[in-house]
Amino acid sequence: MAEQDPESINEDFAPRRGAAVYAVEVDGEAVLLDESANRLHHLNHTATLLWACFDGHVRSSELAADIAEELQLPYEQVLNDALAVIRNLGSEGLLDGVRPTLPKESDEP
């Protein structure tokens, strides 16, 4: 499977957690360790909920529909928020099948 750019992720994308990413949840929020990049990432409650659902089988639209129904929120709002989280996590290299966005080089020497 070819990697896609984070910006191209849409409602048909089925996110899968990266194999080298480990999560610890504390008080409903997760801290992710990206072992390959040796970086930590903090997720808020919403992103933690989404992260737990990323199995590579359930499409983003299905996740959004389930969450919208459970929390009684507008589907389009949940879908847009979920896609923003998924694109962000993908750009950080935390999802399989997504090409990480390389950090921009600083202009400083």
N, C-alpha and C. Protein backbone atom coordinates (compact mmCIF):
# COMPACT_ATOMS: atom_id res chain seq x y z
N MET A 1 0.83 -1.19 0.00
CA MET A 1 0.00 0.00 0.00
C MET A 1 0.88 1.25 0.00
N ALA A 2 0.63 2.14 -0.93
CA ALA A 2 1.40 3.38 -1.03
C ALA A 2 0.97 4.35 0.06
N GLU A 3 1.93 5.09 0.56
CA GLU A 3 1.61 6.10 1.57
C GLU A 3 0.94 7.30 0.91
N GLN A 4 0.01 7.90 1.61
CA GLN A 4 -0.64 9.09 1.08
C GLN A 4 -0.26 10.30 1.93
N ASP A 5 -0.42 11.46 1.33
CA ASP A 5 -0.15 12.70 2.05
C ASP A 5 -1.29 12.95 3.04
N PRO A 6 -0.98 13.55 4.19
CA PRO A 6 -2.02 13.82 5.19
C PRO A 6 -3.18 14.66 4.64
N GLU A 7 -2.86 15.61 3.74
CA GLU A 7 -3.89 16.49 3.20
C GLU A 7 -4.92 15.74 2.36
N SER A 8 -4.53 14.57 1.83
CA SER A 8 -5.44 13.82 0.97
C SER A 8 -6.35 12.87 1.75
N ILE A 9 -6.19 12.80 3.06
CA ILE A 9 -7.03 11.94 3.88
C ILE A 9 -8.46 12.45 3.84
N ASN A 10 -9.39 11.53 3.56
CA ASN A 10 -10.81 11.91 3.52
C ASN A 10 -11.62 10.91 4.34
N GLU A 11 -12.94 11.00 4.21
CA GLU A 11 -13.83 10.17 5.03
C GLU A 11 -13.72 8.68 4.74
N ASP A 12 -13.11 8.30 3.62
CA ASP A 12 -12.95 6.88 3.28
C ASP A 12 -11.69 6.26 3.88
N PHE A 13 -10.82 7.07 4.44
CA PHE A 13 -9.57 6.58 5.02
C PHE A 13 -9.85 5.83 6.31
N ALA A 14 -9.25 4.66 6.46
CA ALA A 14 -9.38 3.86 7.69
C ALA A 14 -8.06 3.92 8.44
N PRO A 15 -7.96 4.81 9.43
CA PRO A 15 -6.68 5.00 10.12
C PRO A 15 -6.24 3.79 10.93
N ARG A 16 -4.92 3.54 10.92
CA ARG A 16 -4.31 2.47 11.71
C ARG A 16 -3.13 3.06 12.48
N ARG A 17 -3.10 2.76 13.77
CA ARG A 17 -2.00 3.23 14.61
C ARG A 17 -0.67 2.67 14.09
N GLY A 18 0.37 3.49 14.12
CA GLY A 18 1.69 3.05 13.70
C GLY A 18 2.23 1.96 14.61
N ALA A 19 2.96 1.02 14.03
CA ALA A 19 3.48 -0.12 14.78
C ALA A 19 4.51 0.29 15.83
N ALA A 20 5.20 1.39 15.61
CA ALA A 20 6.25 1.83 16.53
C ALA A 20 5.75 2.91 17.49
N VAL A 21 4.41 3.02 17.63
CA VAL A 21 3.83 4.04 18.50
C VAL A 21 3.14 3.35 19.66
N TYR A 22 3.51 3.76 20.86
CA TYR A 22 2.97 3.16 22.08
C TYR A 22 2.21 4.23 22.85
N ALA A 23 1.10 3.84 23.45
CA ALA A 23 0.24 4.80 24.15
C ALA A 23 0.08 4.41 25.61
N VAL A 24 0.02 5.44 26.44
CA VAL A 24 -0.33 5.31 27.85
C VAL A 24 -1.43 6.32 28.11
N GLU A 25 -2.52 5.87 28.71
CA GLU A 25 -3.64 6.76 28.97
C GLU A 25 -3.72 7.07 30.46
N VAL A 26 -3.86 8.36 30.76
CA VAL A 26 -3.99 8.83 32.13
C VAL A 26 -5.12 9.84 32.18
N ASP A 27 -6.11 9.58 33.01
CA ASP A 27 -7.26 10.48 33.16
C ASP A 27 -7.92 10.83 31.83
N GLY A 28 -8.05 9.84 30.94
CA GLY A 28 -8.73 10.05 29.68
C GLY A 28 -7.92 10.72 28.59
N GLU A 29 -6.67 11.01 28.87
CA GLU A 29 -5.79 11.60 27.86
C GLU A 29 -4.60 10.69 27.65
N ALA A 30 -4.15 10.59 26.40
CA ALA A 30 -3.06 9.68 26.07
C ALA A 30 -1.76 10.43 25.82
N VAL A 31 -0.68 9.75 26.16
CA VAL A 31 0.65 10.19 25.77
C VAL A 31 1.17 9.10 24.85
N LEU A 32 1.58 9.51 23.66
CA LEU A 32 2.09 8.57 22.67
C LEU A 32 3.61 8.69 22.59
N LEU A 33 4.27 7.55 22.53
CA LEU A 33 5.70 7.50 22.29
C LEU A 33 5.90 6.97 20.88
N ASP A 34 6.46 7.81 20.03
CA ASP A 34 6.83 7.39 18.69
C ASP A 34 8.27 6.90 18.80
N GLU A 35 8.42 5.59 18.93
CA GLU A 35 9.73 5.02 19.16
C GLU A 35 10.69 5.24 17.99
N SER A 36 10.17 5.27 16.77
CA SER A 36 11.04 5.45 15.61
C SER A 36 11.64 6.85 15.56
N ALA A 37 10.89 7.86 16.02
CA ALA A 37 11.39 9.24 16.01
C ALA A 37 11.83 9.70 17.39
N ASN A 38 11.62 8.85 18.41
CA ASN A 38 11.97 9.17 19.79
C ASN A 38 11.30 10.48 20.23
N ARG A 39 9.97 10.56 19.97
CA ARG A 39 9.21 11.77 20.31
C ARG A 39 7.97 11.38 21.09
N LEU A 40 7.56 12.27 21.99
CA LEU A 40 6.31 12.12 22.73
C LEU A 40 5.25 13.05 22.17
N HIS A 41 3.99 12.62 22.25
CA HIS A 41 2.86 13.41 21.78
C HIS A 41 1.76 13.30 22.83
N HIS A 42 1.15 14.41 23.18
CA HIS A 42 0.05 14.43 24.14
C HIS A 42 -1.26 14.58 23.38
N LEU A 43 -2.23 13.71 23.67
CA LEU A 43 -3.54 13.79 23.03
C LEU A 43 -4.59 14.22 24.04
N ASN A 44 -5.49 15.10 23.62
CA ASN A 44 -6.60 15.49 24.48
C ASN A 44 -7.63 14.35 24.52
N HIS A 45 -8.73 14.55 25.24
CA HIS A 45 -9.75 13.51 25.39
C HIS A 45 -10.30 13.04 24.04
N THR A 46 -10.62 13.99 23.17
CA THR A 46 -11.21 13.65 21.88
C THR A 46 -10.24 12.85 21.01
N ALA A 47 -9.01 13.32 20.92
CA ALA A 47 -8.00 12.63 20.11
C ALA A 47 -7.70 11.25 20.70
N THR A 48 -7.74 11.13 22.02
CA THR A 48 -7.52 9.84 22.68
C THR A 48 -8.62 8.85 22.33
N LEU A 49 -9.86 9.33 22.33
CA LEU A 49 -11.00 8.49 21.94
C LEU A 49 -10.82 7.99 20.51
N LEU A 50 -10.46 8.89 19.61
CA LEU A 50 -10.24 8.51 18.22
C LEU A 50 -9.09 7.51 18.10
N TRP A 51 -7.98 7.79 18.76
CA TRP A 51 -6.79 6.94 18.69
C TRP A 51 -7.15 5.49 19.06
N ALA A 52 -7.97 5.33 20.07
CA ALA A 52 -8.35 3.98 20.51
C ALA A 52 -9.13 3.23 19.44
N CYS A 53 -9.74 3.94 18.50
CA CYS A 53 -10.56 3.33 17.46
C CYS A 53 -9.80 3.05 16.17
N PHE A 54 -8.57 3.49 16.07
CA PHE A 54 -7.80 3.36 14.83
C PHE A 54 -7.26 1.94 14.67
N ASP A 55 -8.03 1.10 13.96
CA ASP A 55 -7.63 -0.29 13.77
C ASP A 55 -7.33 -0.62 12.32
N GLY A 56 -7.47 0.35 11.42
CA GLY A 56 -7.20 0.13 10.01
C GLY A 56 -8.37 -0.48 9.25
N HIS A 57 -9.47 -0.75 9.93
CA HIS A 57 -10.64 -1.35 9.29
C HIS A 57 -11.83 -0.41 9.22
N VAL A 58 -11.99 0.44 10.21
CA VAL A 58 -13.15 1.32 10.29
C VAL A 58 -12.81 2.65 9.62
N ARG A 59 -13.63 3.03 8.65
CA ARG A 59 -13.41 4.28 7.92
C ARG A 59 -13.68 5.49 8.82
N SER A 60 -13.05 6.59 8.49
CA SER A 60 -13.22 7.83 9.25
C SER A 60 -14.68 8.24 9.34
N SER A 61 -15.43 8.07 8.26
CA SER A 61 -16.84 8.43 8.25
C SER A 61 -17.64 7.59 9.24
N GLU A 62 -17.29 6.31 9.35
CA GLU A 62 -17.98 5.44 10.30
C GLU A 62 -17.66 5.81 11.74
N LEU A 63 -16.39 6.14 12.00
CA LEU A 63 -16.00 6.59 13.34
C LEU A 63 -16.78 7.85 13.72
N ALA A 64 -16.82 8.80 12.78
CA ALA A 64 -17.51 10.06 13.04
C ALA A 64 -19.00 9.83 13.29
N ALA A 65 -19.61 8.95 12.52
CA ALA A 65 -21.04 8.67 12.69
C ALA A 65 -21.32 8.07 14.06
N ASP A 66 -20.48 7.13 14.48
CA ASP A 66 -20.67 6.50 15.79
C ASP A 66 -20.51 7.50 16.92
N ILE A 67 -19.47 8.33 16.82
CA ILE A 67 -19.21 9.33 17.87
C ILE A 67 -20.32 10.38 17.88
N ALA A 68 -20.73 10.84 16.72
CA ALA A 68 -21.80 11.84 16.64
C ALA A 68 -23.09 11.31 17.26
N GLU A 69 -23.41 10.06 16.97
CA GLU A 69 -24.62 9.46 17.53
C GLU A 69 -24.51 9.31 19.05
N GLU A 70 -23.37 8.80 19.51
CA GLU A 70 -23.18 8.57 20.94
C GLU A 70 -23.21 9.86 21.74
N LEU A 71 -22.58 10.90 21.21
CA LEU A 71 -22.47 12.17 21.93
C LEU A 71 -23.56 13.17 21.53
N GLN A 72 -24.42 12.77 20.61
CA GLN A 72 -25.51 13.62 20.11
C GLN A 72 -24.99 14.96 19.60
N LEU A 73 -24.02 14.85 18.70
CA LEU A 73 -23.41 16.02 18.07
C LEU A 73 -23.66 15.95 16.57
N PRO A 74 -23.59 17.09 15.88
CA PRO A 74 -23.79 17.09 14.43
C PRO A 74 -22.69 16.28 13.72
N TYR A 75 -23.12 15.40 12.82
CA TYR A 75 -22.19 14.52 12.11
C TYR A 75 -21.10 15.30 11.39
N GLU A 76 -21.46 16.32 10.62
CA GLU A 76 -20.47 17.06 9.84
C GLU A 76 -19.40 17.69 10.73
N GLN A 77 -19.80 18.19 11.88
CA GLN A 77 -18.84 18.78 12.81
C GLN A 77 -17.88 17.71 13.32
N VAL A 78 -18.42 16.56 13.71
CA VAL A 78 -17.58 15.48 14.23
C VAL A 78 -16.65 14.97 13.13
N LEU A 79 -17.17 14.81 11.91
CA LEU A 79 -16.33 14.35 10.81
C LEU A 79 -15.19 15.32 10.54
N ASN A 80 -15.49 16.62 10.46
CA ASN A 80 -14.44 17.62 10.21
C ASN A 80 -13.39 17.62 11.31
N ASP A 81 -13.83 17.53 12.56
CA ASP A 81 -12.88 17.49 13.69
C ASP A 81 -12.05 16.22 13.66
N ALA A 82 -12.70 15.08 13.38
CA ALA A 82 -11.99 13.80 13.33
C ALA A 82 -10.95 13.81 12.21
N LEU A 83 -11.32 14.32 11.04
CA LEU A 83 -10.36 14.38 9.93
C LEU A 83 -9.18 15.28 10.26
N ALA A 84 -9.43 16.37 10.97
CA ALA A 84 -8.33 17.26 11.38
C ALA A 84 -7.36 16.52 12.30
N VAL A 85 -7.89 15.76 13.24
CA VAL A 85 -7.04 14.98 14.16
C VAL A 85 -6.28 13.92 13.38
N ILE A 86 -6.97 13.19 12.51
CA ILE A 86 -6.33 12.13 11.73
C ILE A 86 -5.22 12.69 10.84
N ARG A 87 -5.49 13.80 10.18
CA ARG A 87 -4.46 14.42 9.32
C ARG A 87 -3.26 14.87 10.15
N ASN A 88 -3.53 15.43 11.32
CA ASN A 88 -2.44 15.88 12.19
C ASN A 88 -1.59 14.70 12.66
N LEU A 89 -2.24 13.65 13.13
CA LEU A 89 -1.49 12.47 13.59
C LEU A 89 -0.72 11.84 12.44
N GLY A 90 -1.32 11.82 11.26
CA GLY A 90 -0.63 11.29 10.09
C GLY A 90 0.59 12.11 9.73
N SER A 91 0.45 13.43 9.79
CA SER A 91 1.58 14.30 9.45
C SER A 91 2.73 14.15 10.44
N GLU A 92 2.41 13.72 11.66
CA GLU A 92 3.44 13.49 12.68
C GLU A 92 4.08 12.11 12.55
N GLY A 93 3.61 11.31 11.59
CA GLY A 93 4.19 9.99 11.39
C GLY A 93 3.66 8.93 12.33
N LEU A 94 2.49 9.15 12.91
CA LEU A 94 1.95 8.23 13.91
C LEU A 94 0.96 7.21 13.33
N LEU A 95 0.62 7.33 12.05
CA LEU A 95 -0.34 6.43 11.42
C LEU A 95 0.31 5.68 10.27
N ASP A 96 -0.03 4.40 10.14
CA ASP A 96 0.43 3.62 8.99
C ASP A 96 -0.24 4.12 7.73
N GLY A 97 0.50 4.11 6.64
CA GLY A 97 -0.06 4.48 5.35
C GLY A 97 -0.12 5.96 5.08
N VAL A 98 0.45 6.76 5.98
CA VAL A 98 0.44 8.21 5.79
C VAL A 98 1.89 8.70 5.78
N ARG A 99 2.22 9.48 4.78
CA ARG A 99 3.57 10.03 4.65
C ARG A 99 3.73 11.19 5.63
N PRO A 100 4.67 11.07 6.58
CA PRO A 100 4.87 12.18 7.53
C PRO A 100 5.30 13.45 6.82
N THR A 101 4.88 14.57 7.35
CA THR A 101 5.30 15.86 6.86
C THR A 101 6.65 16.16 7.50
N LEU A 102 7.63 16.40 6.66
CA LEU A 102 8.96 16.68 7.19
C LEU A 102 8.97 18.03 7.88
N PRO A 103 9.68 18.13 9.02
CA PRO A 103 9.74 19.43 9.70
C PRO A 103 10.44 20.44 8.81
N LYS A 104 9.93 21.65 8.86
CA LYS A 104 10.53 22.72 8.07
C LYS A 104 11.86 23.12 8.69
N GLU A 105 12.83 23.33 7.82
CA GLU A 105 14.16 23.71 8.30
C GLU A 105 14.12 25.16 8.78
N SER A 106 14.84 25.41 9.83
CA SER A 106 14.91 26.75 10.39
C SER A 106 15.84 27.61 9.55
N ASP A 107 15.55 28.90 9.49
CA ASP A 107 16.43 29.83 8.77
C ASP A 107 17.64 30.20 9.60
N GLU A 108 17.60 29.84 10.88
CA GLU A 108 18.71 30.20 11.75
C GLU A 108 19.85 29.21 11.58
N PRO A 109 21.11 29.69 11.70
CA PRO A 109 22.27 28.78 11.54
C PRO A 109 22.40 27.82 12.68
